[in-house]
C-alpha atoms as a PDB file:
ATOM      1  CA  MET A   1       0.000   0.000   0.000  1.00  0.00           C
ATOM      2  CA  PRO A   2       1.239   3.566  -0.575  1.00  0.00           C
ATOM      3  CA  VAL A   3       3.129   4.796   2.482  1.00  0.00           C
ATOM      4  CA  ALA A   4       5.244   7.937   2.896  1.00  0.00           C
ATOM      5  CA  ARG A   5       8.967   7.176   2.635  1.00  0.00           C
ATOM      6  CA  SER A   6      10.703   7.538   5.973  1.00  0.00           C
ATOM      7  CA  PHE A   7      13.466   6.325   8.261  1.00  0.00           C
ATOM      8  CA  LEU A   8      14.188   6.320  11.986  1.00  0.00           C
ATOM      9  CA  LEU A   9      16.743   8.692  13.452  1.00  0.00           C
ATOM     10  CA  SER A  10      18.418   9.057  16.848  1.00  0.00           C
ATOM     11  CA  GLY A  11      21.562  10.503  18.373  1.00  0.00           C
ATOM     12  CA  THR A  12      23.433   7.214  17.944  1.00  0.00           C
ATOM     13  CA  ALA A  13      23.014   4.336  15.522  1.00  0.00           C
ATOM     14  CA  LYS A  14      20.891   1.348  16.557  1.00  0.00           C
ATOM     15  CA  GLU A  15      19.412  -1.561  14.684  1.00  0.00           C
ATOM     16  CA  ASN A  16      17.349  -0.068  11.822  1.00  0.00           C
ATOM     17  CA  VAL A  17      17.963   3.423  13.252  1.00  0.00           C
ATOM     18  CA  CYS A  18      20.183   6.027  11.606  1.00  0.00           C
ATOM     19  CA  ALA A  19      22.612   8.108  13.672  1.00  0.00           C
ATOM     20  CA  LEU A  20      22.201  11.862  13.440  1.00  0.00           C
ATOM     21  CA  ALA A  21      25.732  12.141  12.060  1.00  0.00           C
ATOM     22  CA  ASP A  22      24.723   9.963   9.085  1.00  0.00           C
ATOM     23  CA  VAL A  23      21.424  11.648   8.270  1.00  0.00           C
ATOM     24  CA  GLU A  24      22.619  13.089   4.932  1.00  0.00           C
ATOM     25  CA  ASP A  25      23.584   9.640   3.626  1.00  0.00           C
ATOM     26  CA  ALA A  26      20.282   8.198   4.857  1.00  0.00           C
ATOM     27  CA  CYS A  27      18.295  10.784   2.886  1.00  0.00           C
ATOM     28  CA  THR A  28      20.388  10.239  -0.247  1.00  0.00           C
ATOM     29  CA  THR A  29      20.187   6.443  -0.257  1.00  0.00           C
ATOM     30  CA  ARG A  30      16.382   6.605   0.083  1.00  0.00           C
ATOM     31  CA  GLY A  31      15.981   9.177  -2.669  1.00  0.00           C
ATOM     32  CA  MET A  32      14.373  11.661  -0.319  1.00  0.00           C
ATOM     33  CA  SER A  33      14.614  15.366  -1.073  1.00  0.00           C
ATOM     34  CA  PHE A  34      13.651  18.527   0.783  1.00  0.00           C
ATOM     35  CA  PRO A  35      11.326  19.696   2.148  1.00  0.00           C
ATOM     36  CA  MET A  36      10.898  16.882   4.704  1.00  0.00           C
ATOM     37  CA  ILE A  37       9.158  16.292   8.004  1.00  0.00           C
ATOM     38  CA  VAL A  38      10.989  15.379  11.225  1.00  0.00           C
ATOM     39  CA  LYS A  39       8.918  14.286  14.198  1.00  0.00           C
ATOM     40  CA  PRO A  40       9.097  12.272  17.425  1.00  0.00           C
ATOM     41  CA  VAL A  41       8.116   8.617  17.071  1.00  0.00           C
ATOM     42  CA  ARG A  42       6.322   8.860  20.410  1.00  0.00           C
ATOM     43  CA  GLY A  43       4.372  12.064  20.141  1.00  0.00           C
ATOM     44  CA  ARG A  44       1.063  13.754  20.868  1.00  0.00           C
ATOM     45  CA  GLY A  45      -0.880  15.227  17.992  1.00  0.00           C
ATOM     46  CA  SER A  46       1.396  17.449  15.949  1.00  0.00           C
ATOM     47  CA  GLN A  47       3.601  18.526  18.841  1.00  0.00           C
ATOM     48  CA  GLY A  48       7.232  18.437  17.786  1.00  0.00           C
ATOM     49  CA  VAL A  49       6.353  17.832  14.116  1.00  0.00           C
ATOM     50  CA  THR A  50       8.569  20.140  12.057  1.00  0.00           C
ATOM     51  CA  LEU A  51       8.811  20.957   8.356  1.00  0.00           C
ATOM     52  CA  VAL A  52      12.463  21.405   7.315  1.00  0.00           C
ATOM     53  CA  GLU A  53      13.647  22.931   4.055  1.00  0.00           C
ATOM     54  CA  SER A  54      17.348  22.003   4.131  1.00  0.00           C
ATOM     55  CA  LEU A  55      19.896  19.641   5.613  1.00  0.00           C
ATOM     56  CA  SER A  56      20.978  22.242   8.146  1.00  0.00           C
ATOM     57  CA  GLU A  57      17.372  22.787   9.264  1.00  0.00           C
ATOM     58  CA  LEU A  58      16.912  19.034   9.563  1.00  0.00           C
ATOM     59  CA  ARG A  59      20.028  18.688  11.723  1.00  0.00           C
ATOM     60  CA  ASP A  60      19.022  21.641  13.920  1.00  0.00           C
ATOM     61  CA  ALA A  61      15.448  20.411  14.426  1.00  0.00           C
ATOM     62  CA  ALA A  62      16.570  16.836  15.115  1.00  0.00           C
ATOM     63  CA  THR A  63      19.261  17.960  17.545  1.00  0.00           C
ATOM     64  CA  ALA A  64      16.744  20.062  19.489  1.00  0.00           C
ATOM     65  CA  LEU A  65      14.139  17.277  19.615  1.00  0.00           C
ATOM     66  CA  ILE A  66      16.675  14.680  20.744  1.00  0.00           C
ATOM     67  CA  ALA A  67      18.099  16.992  23.395  1.00  0.00           C
ATOM     68  CA  ALA A  68      14.675  17.925  24.770  1.00  0.00           C
ATOM     69  CA  ALA A  69      13.516  14.287  24.709  1.00  0.00           C
ATOM     70  CA  THR A  70       9.974  15.458  25.486  1.00  0.00           C
ATOM     71  CA  PHE A  71       8.690  12.370  23.702  1.00  0.00           C
ATOM     72  CA  GLY A  72      11.856  10.306  23.861  1.00  0.00           C
ATOM     73  CA  ASP A  73      14.944  10.495  21.665  1.00  0.00           C
ATOM     74  CA  MET A  74      13.681   8.469  18.692  1.00  0.00           C
ATOM     75  CA  LEU A  75      12.651  10.484  15.644  1.00  0.00           C
ATOM     76  CA  MET A  76      11.231   9.810  12.211  1.00  0.00           C
ATOM     77  CA  VAL A  77      12.323  11.636   9.073  1.00  0.00           C
ATOM     78  CA  GLU A  78       9.602  11.510   6.451  1.00  0.00           C
ATOM     79  CA  GLU A  79       8.983  12.745   2.940  1.00  0.00           C
ATOM     80  CA  PHE A  80       6.771  15.844   2.866  1.00  0.00           C
ATOM     81  CA  LEU A  81       3.554  15.383   0.916  1.00  0.00           C
ATOM     82  CA  ASP A  82       2.182  18.737  -0.216  1.00  0.00           C
ATOM     83  CA  GLY A  83      -1.255  17.688  -1.482  1.00  0.00           C
ATOM     84  CA  ASP A  84      -4.643  17.407   0.208  1.00  0.00           C
ATOM     85  CA  GLU A  85      -4.643  15.950   3.715  1.00  0.00           C
ATOM     86  CA  MET A  86      -7.315  13.476   4.791  1.00  0.00           C
ATOM     87  CA  THR A  87      -7.898  11.429   7.902  1.00  0.00           C
ATOM     88  CA  VAL A  88      -9.829   8.165   7.835  1.00  0.00           C
ATOM     89  CA  THR A  89     -11.480   6.485  10.824  1.00  0.00           C
ATOM     90  CA  LEU A  90     -11.587   2.702  10.577  1.00  0.00           C
ATOM     91  CA  MET A  91     -14.067   0.588  12.509  1.00  0.00           C
ATOM     92  CA  PRO A  92     -13.673  -3.123  13.305  1.00  0.00           C
ATOM     93  CA  PRO A  93     -16.036  -5.752  11.860  1.00  0.00           C
ATOM     94  CA  ALA A  94     -17.680  -6.132  15.292  1.00  0.00           C
ATOM     95  CA  SER A  95     -18.896  -2.521  15.240  1.00  0.00           C
ATOM     96  CA  PRO A  96     -22.305  -2.131  13.561  1.00  0.00           C
ATOM     97  CA  ARG A  97     -22.706   0.209  10.626  1.00  0.00           C
ATOM     98  CA  PRO A  98     -25.143   3.122  10.978  1.00  0.00           C
ATOM     99  CA  ASP A  99     -27.877   1.019   9.334  1.00  0.00           C
ATOM    100  CA  GLY A 100     -27.378  -1.698  11.950  1.00  0.00           C
ATOM    101  CA  SER A 101     -25.679  -4.176   9.610  1.00  0.00           C
ATOM    102  CA  ARG A 102     -22.230  -5.619  10.250  1.00  0.00           C
ATOM    103  CA  ALA A 103     -19.415  -5.794   7.730  1.00  0.00           C
ATOM    104  CA  PRO A 104     -17.248  -8.906   7.266  1.00  0.00           C
ATOM    105  CA  THR A 105     -14.126  -6.733   7.319  1.00  0.00           C
ATOM    106  CA  HIS A 106     -12.907  -3.468   8.783  1.00  0.00           C
ATOM    107  CA  TRP A 107     -14.769  -0.516   7.289  1.00  0.00           C
ATOM    108  CA  ALA A 108     -14.294   3.233   7.023  1.00  0.00           C
ATOM    109  CA  LEU A 109     -16.269   6.259   8.079  1.00  0.00           C
ATOM    110  CA  PRO A 110     -16.262   9.120   5.528  1.00  0.00           C
ATOM    111  CA  PRO A 111     -12.813  10.729   5.189  1.00  0.00           C
ATOM    112  CA  VAL A 112     -12.306  14.113   6.826  1.00  0.00           C
ATOM    113  CA  TYR A 113     -10.474  16.854   4.904  1.00  0.00           C
ATOM    114  CA  ARG A 114      -7.881  18.856   6.885  1.00  0.00           C
ATOM    115  CA  PHE A 115      -7.100  22.477   5.921  1.00  0.00           C
ATOM    116  CA  ASP A 116      -5.366  25.596   7.268  1.00  0.00           C
ATOM    117  CA  GLN A 117      -2.138  23.782   8.113  1.00  0.00           C
ATOM    118  CA  ARG A 118       0.589  25.863   9.737  1.00  0.00           C
ATOM    119  CA  GLY A 119       4.048  25.464   8.253  1.00  0.00           C
ATOM    120  CA  GLY A 120       2.770  22.436   6.366  1.00  0.00           C
ATOM    121  CA  VAL A 121       1.540  20.765   9.579  1.00  0.00           C
ATOM    122  CA  ALA A 122      -1.969  20.579  11.054  1.00  0.00           C
ATOM    123  CA  PRO A 123      -1.874  22.461  14.382  1.00  0.00           C
ATOM    124  CA  TYR A 124      -2.170  20.593  17.687  1.00  0.00           C
ATOM    125  CA  ASN A 125      -5.841  20.209  18.597  1.00  0.00           C
ATOM    126  CA  GLY A 126      -5.108  21.599  22.064  1.00  0.00           C
ATOM    127  CA  ASP A 127      -4.307  24.912  20.365  1.00  0.00           C
ATOM    128  CA  VAL A 128      -6.831  24.871  17.507  1.00  0.00           C
ATOM    129  CA  PRO A 129      -9.985  22.691  17.751  1.00  0.00           C
ATOM    130  CA  VAL A 130     -10.150  20.314  14.800  1.00  0.00           C
ATOM    131  CA  THR A 131     -13.689  21.547  14.106  1.00  0.00           C
ATOM    132  CA  ALA A 132     -12.056  24.823  12.967  1.00  0.00           C
ATOM    133  CA  ASN A 133      -9.904  23.233  10.257  1.00  0.00           C
ATOM    134  CA  SER A 134     -11.544  19.927   9.341  1.00  0.00           C
ATOM    135  CA  ILE A 135     -14.678  18.876   7.494  1.00  0.00           C
ATOM    136  CA  ALA A 136     -16.076  15.591   6.177  1.00  0.00           C
ATOM    137  CA  ILE A 137     -15.675  15.382   2.408  1.00  0.00           C
ATOM    138  CA  ALA A 138     -18.699  15.829   0.150  1.00  0.00           C
ATOM    139  CA  PRO A 139     -20.450  12.548  -0.773  1.00  0.00           C
ATOM    140  CA  GLU A 140     -19.598  12.952  -4.458  1.00  0.00           C
ATOM    141  CA  ARG A 141     -15.879  12.875  -3.641  1.00  0.00           C
ATOM    142  CA  LEU A 142     -16.306   9.321  -2.402  1.00  0.00           C
ATOM    143  CA  LEU A 143     -16.458   8.328  -6.084  1.00  0.00           C
ATOM    144  CA  ASP A 144     -13.048   9.858  -6.831  1.00  0.00           C
ATOM    145  CA  PRO A 145     -10.694   6.961  -7.718  1.00  0.00           C
ATOM    146  CA  ALA A 146      -7.921   8.535  -5.607  1.00  0.00           C
ATOM    147  CA  ILE A 147     -10.241   8.635  -2.577  1.00  0.00           C
ATOM    148  CA  VAL A 148     -11.473   5.084  -3.209  1.00  0.00           C
ATOM    149  CA  GLY A 149      -7.875   3.848  -3.372  1.00  0.00           C
ATOM    150  CA  MET A 150      -6.970   5.704  -0.188  1.00  0.00           C
ATOM    151  CA  ILE A 151      -9.893   4.185   1.733  1.00  0.00           C
ATOM    152  CA  ASP A 152      -9.068   0.693   0.452  1.00  0.00           C
ATOM    153  CA  SER A 153      -5.458   1.093   1.624  1.00  0.00           C
ATOM    154  CA  CYS A 154      -6.608   2.273   5.052  1.00  0.00           C
ATOM    155  CA  VAL A 155      -8.973  -0.696   5.402  1.00  0.00           C
ATOM    156  CA  SER A 156      -6.081  -3.025   4.505  1.00  0.00           C
ATOM    157  CA  ALA A 157      -3.850  -1.345   7.088  1.00  0.00           C
ATOM    158  CA  ALA A 158      -6.500  -1.735   9.808  1.00  0.00           C
ATOM    159  CA  ALA A 159      -6.746  -5.431   8.995  1.00  0.00           C
ATOM    160  CA  LEU A 160      -2.950  -5.839   9.081  1.00  0.00           C
ATOM    161  CA  VAL A 161      -2.748  -4.490  12.630  1.00  0.00           C
ATOM    162  CA  ASP A 162      -5.900  -6.403  13.608  1.00  0.00           C
ATOM    163  CA  ALA A 163      -7.523  -3.268  15.038  1.00  0.00           C
ATOM    164  CA  ARG A 164     -10.138  -4.283  17.625  1.00  0.00           C
ATOM    165  CA  THR A 165     -11.708  -0.840  17.953  1.00  0.00           C
ATOM    166  CA  ALA A 166     -11.740   2.490  16.117  1.00  0.00           C
ATOM    167  CA  ILE A 167      -8.377   3.671  14.803  1.00  0.00           C
ATOM    168  CA  ARG A 168      -7.496   6.650  12.618  1.00  0.00           C
ATOM    169  CA  ILE A 169      -5.082   6.890   9.699  1.00  0.00           C
ATOM    170  CA  ASP A 170      -3.798  10.203   8.331  1.00  0.00           C
ATOM    171  CA  CYS A 171      -3.067  10.444   4.611  1.00  0.00           C
ATOM    172  CA  ARG A 172      -1.750  13.063   2.211  1.00  0.00           C
ATOM    173  CA  ALA A 173      -1.585  13.299  -1.549  1.00  0.00           C
ATOM    174  CA  ASP A 174       1.757  13.609  -3.320  1.00  0.00           C
ATOM    175  CA  ARG A 175       2.346  15.861  -6.321  1.00  0.00           C
ATOM    176  CA  ASP A 176       0.752  13.236  -8.592  1.00  0.00           C
ATOM    177  CA  GLY A 177      -2.433  13.079  -6.524  1.00  0.00           C
ATOM    178  CA  LEU A 178      -1.670   9.676  -4.968  1.00  0.00           C
ATOM    179  CA  PHE A 179      -2.706   9.531  -1.333  1.00  0.00           C
ATOM    180  CA  LYS A 180      -0.073   7.996   0.938  1.00  0.00           C
ATOM    181  CA  LEU A 181      -0.564   6.811   4.510  1.00  0.00           C
ATOM    182  CA  PHE A 182       1.755   8.580   6.937  1.00  0.00           C
ATOM    183  CA  ASP A 183       0.345   8.218  10.460  1.00  0.00           C
ATOM    184  CA  LEU A 184      -1.562   5.272  11.912  1.00  0.00           C
ATOM    185  CA  ASN A 185      -3.101   6.195  15.259  1.00  0.00           C
ATOM    186  CA  MET A 186      -3.941   3.126  17.336  1.00  0.00           C
ATOM    187  CA  LYS A 187      -5.262   5.427  20.080  1.00  0.00           C
ATOM    188  CA  PRO A 188      -6.889   8.355  18.294  1.00  0.00           C
ATOM    189  CA  ASN A 189      -8.258  11.343  20.156  1.00  0.00           C
ATOM    190  CA  MET A 190     -11.920  10.654  20.976  1.00  0.00           C
ATOM    191  CA  THR A 191     -13.035  13.889  22.637  1.00  0.00           C
ATOM    192  CA  GLY A 192     -16.587  15.080  22.147  1.00  0.00           C
ATOM    193  CA  PRO A 193     -19.029  17.816  23.162  1.00  0.00           C
ATOM    194  CA  GLY A 194     -19.818  16.240  26.512  1.00  0.00           C
ATOM    195  CA  ARG A 195     -20.894  19.336  28.419  1.00  0.00           C
ATOM    196  CA  PRO A 196     -21.924  22.994  27.838  1.00  0.00           C
ATOM    197  CA  GLY A 197     -19.114  25.177  26.573  1.00  0.00           C
ATOM    198  CA  ARG A 198     -17.473  22.313  24.662  1.00  0.00           C
ATOM    199  CA  GLU A 199     -19.699  22.364  21.592  1.00  0.00           C
ATOM    200  CA  ASP A 200     -16.633  22.752  19.341  1.00  0.00           C
ATOM    201  CA  GLN A 201     -14.770  19.761  20.767  1.00  0.00           C
ATOM    202  CA  ASP A 202     -15.748  17.074  18.271  1.00  0.00           C
ATOM    203  CA  CYS A 203     -12.741  14.935  17.422  1.00  0.00           C
ATOM    204  CA  LEU A 204     -11.906  13.990  13.836  1.00  0.00           C
ATOM    205  CA  SER A 205     -13.631  10.625  14.200  1.00  0.00           C
ATOM    206  CA  ALA A 206     -16.768  12.324  15.541  1.00  0.00           C
ATOM    207  CA  ILE A 207     -16.805  14.664  12.526  1.00  0.00           C
ATOM    208  CA  ALA A 208     -16.662  11.595  10.289  1.00  0.00           C
ATOM    209  CA  ALA A 209     -19.415   9.878  12.296  1.00  0.00           C
ATOM    210  CA  ARG A 210     -21.754  12.870  11.919  1.00  0.00           C
ATOM    211  CA  ALA A 211     -21.320  12.688   8.137  1.00  0.00           C
ATOM    212  CA  GLU A 212     -22.530   9.080   8.392  1.00  0.00           C
ATOM    213  CA  GLY A 213     -25.627  10.148  10.339  1.00  0.00           C
ATOM    214  CA  TRP A 214     -24.362   9.321  13.834  1.00  0.00           C
ATOM    215  CA  ASN A 215     -24.033  11.669  16.779  1.00  0.00           C
ATOM    216  CA  TYR A 216     -21.118  11.415  19.218  1.00  0.00           C
ATOM    217  CA  VAL A 217     -22.919   8.992  21.519  1.00  0.00           C
ATOM    218  CA  ASP A 218     -23.749   6.734  18.536  1.00  0.00           C
ATOM    219  CA  LEU A 219     -20.034   6.536  17.762  1.00  0.00           C
ATOM    220  CA  LEU A 220     -19.219   5.558  21.347  1.00  0.00           C
ATOM    221  CA  LEU A 221     -21.954   2.912  21.349  1.00  0.00           C
ATOM    222  CA  ALA A 222     -20.610   1.436  18.100  1.00  0.00           C
ATOM    223  CA  MET A 223     -17.180   1.220  19.706  1.00  0.00           C
ATOM    224  CA  LEU A 224     -18.657  -0.374  22.832  1.00  0.00           C
ATOM    225  CA  ALA A 225     -20.433  -2.980  20.688  1.00  0.00           C
ATOM    226  CA  ALA A 226     -17.012  -4.244  19.593  1.00  0.00           C
ATOM    227  CA  LYS A 227     -15.851  -4.885  23.157  1.00  0.00           C
ATOM    228  CA  TRP A 228     -13.672  -7.955  23.629  1.00  0.00           C
ATOM    229  CA  ARG A 229     -12.011  -9.677  26.538  1.00  0.00           C
ATOM    230  CA  LEU A 230      -9.215 -12.155  26.908  1.00  0.00           C
ATOM    231  CA  GLU A 231     -10.227 -15.626  27.975  1.00  0.00           C
ATOM    232  CA  PRO A 232      -8.307 -17.005  30.991  1.00  0.00           C
ATOM    233  CA  VAL A 233      -5.598 -19.507  30.108  1.00  0.00           C
ATOM    234  CA  GLU A 234      -6.194 -22.900  31.679  1.00  0.00           C
ATOM    235  CA  GLY A 235      -3.548 -23.641  34.321  1.00  0.00           C
ATOM    236  CA  ALA A 236      -2.257 -20.047  34.398  1.00  0.00           C
END
Protein backbone atom coordinates (compact mmCIF):
# COMPACT_ATOMS: atom_id res chain seq x y z
CA MET A 1 0.00 0.00 0.00
CA PRO A 2 1.24 3.57 -0.57
CA VAL A 3 3.13 4.80 2.48
CA ALA A 4 5.24 7.94 2.90
CA ARG A 5 8.97 7.18 2.64
CA SER A 6 10.70 7.54 5.97
CA PHE A 7 13.47 6.33 8.26
CA LEU A 8 14.19 6.32 11.99
CA LEU A 9 16.74 8.69 13.45
CA SER A 10 18.42 9.06 16.85
CA GLY A 11 21.56 10.50 18.37
CA THR A 12 23.43 7.21 17.94
CA ALA A 13 23.01 4.34 15.52
CA LYS A 14 20.89 1.35 16.56
CA GLU A 15 19.41 -1.56 14.68
CA ASN A 16 17.35 -0.07 11.82
CA VAL A 17 17.96 3.42 13.25
CA CYS A 18 20.18 6.03 11.61
CA ALA A 19 22.61 8.11 13.67
CA LEU A 20 22.20 11.86 13.44
CA ALA A 21 25.73 12.14 12.06
CA ASP A 22 24.72 9.96 9.08
CA VAL A 23 21.42 11.65 8.27
CA GLU A 24 22.62 13.09 4.93
CA ASP A 25 23.58 9.64 3.63
CA ALA A 26 20.28 8.20 4.86
CA CYS A 27 18.29 10.78 2.89
CA THR A 28 20.39 10.24 -0.25
CA THR A 29 20.19 6.44 -0.26
CA ARG A 30 16.38 6.60 0.08
CA GLY A 31 15.98 9.18 -2.67
CA MET A 32 14.37 11.66 -0.32
CA SER A 33 14.61 15.37 -1.07
CA PHE A 34 13.65 18.53 0.78
CA PRO A 35 11.33 19.70 2.15
CA MET A 36 10.90 16.88 4.70
CA ILE A 37 9.16 16.29 8.00
CA VAL A 38 10.99 15.38 11.23
CA LYS A 39 8.92 14.29 14.20
CA PRO A 40 9.10 12.27 17.43
CA VAL A 41 8.12 8.62 17.07
CA ARG A 42 6.32 8.86 20.41
CA GLY A 43 4.37 12.06 20.14
CA ARG A 44 1.06 13.75 20.87
CA GLY A 45 -0.88 15.23 17.99
CA SER A 46 1.40 17.45 15.95
CA GLN A 47 3.60 18.53 18.84
CA GLY A 48 7.23 18.44 17.79
CA VAL A 49 6.35 17.83 14.12
CA THR A 50 8.57 20.14 12.06
CA LEU A 51 8.81 20.96 8.36
CA VAL A 52 12.46 21.40 7.32
CA GLU A 53 13.65 22.93 4.05
CA SER A 54 17.35 22.00 4.13
CA LEU A 55 19.90 19.64 5.61
CA SER A 56 20.98 22.24 8.15
CA GLU A 57 17.37 22.79 9.26
CA LEU A 58 16.91 19.03 9.56
CA ARG A 59 20.03 18.69 11.72
CA ASP A 60 19.02 21.64 13.92
CA ALA A 61 15.45 20.41 14.43
CA ALA A 62 16.57 16.84 15.12
CA THR A 63 19.26 17.96 17.55
CA ALA A 64 16.74 20.06 19.49
CA LEU A 65 14.14 17.28 19.61
CA ILE A 66 16.67 14.68 20.74
CA ALA A 67 18.10 16.99 23.40
CA ALA A 68 14.67 17.93 24.77
CA ALA A 69 13.52 14.29 24.71
CA THR A 70 9.97 15.46 25.49
CA PHE A 71 8.69 12.37 23.70
CA GLY A 72 11.86 10.31 23.86
CA ASP A 73 14.94 10.49 21.66
CA MET A 74 13.68 8.47 18.69
CA LEU A 75 12.65 10.48 15.64
CA MET A 76 11.23 9.81 12.21
CA VAL A 77 12.32 11.64 9.07
CA GLU A 78 9.60 11.51 6.45
CA GLU A 79 8.98 12.75 2.94
CA PHE A 80 6.77 15.84 2.87
CA LEU A 81 3.55 15.38 0.92
CA ASP A 82 2.18 18.74 -0.22
CA GLY A 83 -1.26 17.69 -1.48
CA ASP A 84 -4.64 17.41 0.21
CA GLU A 85 -4.64 15.95 3.72
CA MET A 86 -7.32 13.48 4.79
CA THR A 87 -7.90 11.43 7.90
CA VAL A 88 -9.83 8.17 7.83
CA THR A 89 -11.48 6.49 10.82
CA LEU A 90 -11.59 2.70 10.58
CA MET A 91 -14.07 0.59 12.51
CA PRO A 92 -13.67 -3.12 13.30
CA PRO A 93 -16.04 -5.75 11.86
CA ALA A 94 -17.68 -6.13 15.29
CA SER A 95 -18.90 -2.52 15.24
CA PRO A 96 -22.31 -2.13 13.56
CA ARG A 97 -22.71 0.21 10.63
CA PRO A 98 -25.14 3.12 10.98
CA ASP A 99 -27.88 1.02 9.33
CA GLY A 100 -27.38 -1.70 11.95
CA SER A 101 -25.68 -4.18 9.61
CA ARG A 102 -22.23 -5.62 10.25
CA ALA A 103 -19.42 -5.79 7.73
CA PRO A 104 -17.25 -8.91 7.27
CA THR A 105 -14.13 -6.73 7.32
CA HIS A 106 -12.91 -3.47 8.78
CA TRP A 107 -14.77 -0.52 7.29
CA ALA A 108 -14.29 3.23 7.02
CA LEU A 109 -16.27 6.26 8.08
CA PRO A 110 -16.26 9.12 5.53
CA PRO A 111 -12.81 10.73 5.19
CA VAL A 112 -12.31 14.11 6.83
CA TYR A 113 -10.47 16.85 4.90
CA ARG A 114 -7.88 18.86 6.89
CA PHE A 115 -7.10 22.48 5.92
CA ASP A 116 -5.37 25.60 7.27
CA GLN A 117 -2.14 23.78 8.11
CA ARG A 118 0.59 25.86 9.74
CA GLY A 119 4.05 25.46 8.25
CA GLY A 120 2.77 22.44 6.37
CA VAL A 121 1.54 20.77 9.58
CA ALA A 122 -1.97 20.58 11.05
CA PRO A 123 -1.87 22.46 14.38
CA TYR A 124 -2.17 20.59 17.69
CA ASN A 125 -5.84 20.21 18.60
CA GLY A 126 -5.11 21.60 22.06
CA ASP A 127 -4.31 24.91 20.36
CA VAL A 128 -6.83 24.87 17.51
CA PRO A 129 -9.98 22.69 17.75
CA VAL A 130 -10.15 20.31 14.80
CA THR A 131 -13.69 21.55 14.11
CA ALA A 132 -12.06 24.82 12.97
CA ASN A 133 -9.90 23.23 10.26
CA SER A 134 -11.54 19.93 9.34
CA ILE A 135 -14.68 18.88 7.49
CA ALA A 136 -16.08 15.59 6.18
CA ILE A 137 -15.68 15.38 2.41
CA ALA A 138 -18.70 15.83 0.15
CA PRO A 139 -20.45 12.55 -0.77
CA GLU A 140 -19.60 12.95 -4.46
CA ARG A 141 -15.88 12.87 -3.64
CA LEU A 142 -16.31 9.32 -2.40
CA LEU A 143 -16.46 8.33 -6.08
CA ASP A 144 -13.05 9.86 -6.83
CA PRO A 145 -10.69 6.96 -7.72
CA ALA A 146 -7.92 8.53 -5.61
CA ILE A 147 -10.24 8.63 -2.58
CA VAL A 148 -11.47 5.08 -3.21
CA GLY A 149 -7.88 3.85 -3.37
CA MET A 150 -6.97 5.70 -0.19
CA ILE A 151 -9.89 4.19 1.73
CA ASP A 152 -9.07 0.69 0.45
CA SER A 153 -5.46 1.09 1.62
CA CYS A 154 -6.61 2.27 5.05
CA VAL A 155 -8.97 -0.70 5.40
CA SER A 156 -6.08 -3.03 4.51
CA ALA A 157 -3.85 -1.35 7.09
CA ALA A 158 -6.50 -1.73 9.81
CA ALA A 159 -6.75 -5.43 8.99
CA LEU A 160 -2.95 -5.84 9.08
CA VAL A 161 -2.75 -4.49 12.63
CA ASP A 162 -5.90 -6.40 13.61
CA ALA A 163 -7.52 -3.27 15.04
CA ARG A 164 -10.14 -4.28 17.63
CA THR A 165 -11.71 -0.84 17.95
CA ALA A 166 -11.74 2.49 16.12
CA ILE A 167 -8.38 3.67 14.80
CA ARG A 168 -7.50 6.65 12.62
CA ILE A 169 -5.08 6.89 9.70
CA ASP A 170 -3.80 10.20 8.33
CA CYS A 171 -3.07 10.44 4.61
CA ARG A 172 -1.75 13.06 2.21
CA ALA A 173 -1.59 13.30 -1.55
CA ASP A 174 1.76 13.61 -3.32
CA ARG A 175 2.35 15.86 -6.32
CA ASP A 176 0.75 13.24 -8.59
CA GLY A 177 -2.43 13.08 -6.52
CA LEU A 178 -1.67 9.68 -4.97
CA PHE A 179 -2.71 9.53 -1.33
CA LYS A 180 -0.07 8.00 0.94
CA LEU A 181 -0.56 6.81 4.51
CA PHE A 182 1.75 8.58 6.94
CA ASP A 183 0.34 8.22 10.46
CA LEU A 184 -1.56 5.27 11.91
CA ASN A 185 -3.10 6.20 15.26
CA MET A 186 -3.94 3.13 17.34
CA LYS A 187 -5.26 5.43 20.08
CA PRO A 188 -6.89 8.35 18.29
CA ASN A 189 -8.26 11.34 20.16
CA MET A 190 -11.92 10.65 20.98
CA THR A 191 -13.04 13.89 22.64
CA GLY A 192 -16.59 15.08 22.15
CA PRO A 193 -19.03 17.82 23.16
CA GLY A 194 -19.82 16.24 26.51
CA ARG A 195 -20.89 19.34 28.42
CA PRO A 196 -21.92 22.99 27.84
CA GLY A 197 -19.11 25.18 26.57
CA ARG A 198 -17.47 22.31 24.66
CA GLU A 199 -19.70 22.36 21.59
CA ASP A 200 -16.63 22.75 19.34
CA GLN A 201 -14.77 19.76 20.77
CA ASP A 202 -15.75 17.07 18.27
CA CYS A 203 -12.74 14.93 17.42
CA LEU A 204 -11.91 13.99 13.84
CA SER A 205 -13.63 10.63 14.20
CA ALA A 206 -16.77 12.32 15.54
CA ILE A 207 -16.81 14.66 12.53
CA ALA A 208 -16.66 11.60 10.29
CA ALA A 209 -19.42 9.88 12.30
CA ARG A 210 -21.75 12.87 11.92
CA ALA A 211 -21.32 12.69 8.14
CA GLU A 212 -22.53 9.08 8.39
CA GLY A 213 -25.63 10.15 10.34
CA TRP A 214 -24.36 9.32 13.83
CA ASN A 215 -24.03 11.67 16.78
CA TYR A 216 -21.12 11.42 19.22
CA VAL A 217 -22.92 8.99 21.52
CA ASP A 218 -23.75 6.73 18.54
CA LEU A 219 -20.03 6.54 17.76
CA LEU A 220 -19.22 5.56 21.35
CA LEU A 221 -21.95 2.91 21.35
CA ALA A 222 -20.61 1.44 18.10
CA MET A 223 -17.18 1.22 19.71
CA LEU A 224 -18.66 -0.37 22.83
CA ALA A 225 -20.43 -2.98 20.69
CA ALA A 226 -17.01 -4.24 19.59
CA LYS A 227 -15.85 -4.88 23.16
CA TRP A 228 -13.67 -7.96 23.63
CA ARG A 229 -12.01 -9.68 26.54
CA LEU A 230 -9.22 -12.16 26.91
CA GLU A 231 -10.23 -15.63 27.97
CA PRO A 232 -8.31 -17.01 30.99
CA VAL A 233 -5.60 -19.51 30.11
CA GLU A 234 -6.19 -22.90 31.68
CA GLY A 235 -3.55 -23.64 34.32
CA ALA A 236 -2.26 -20.05 34.40
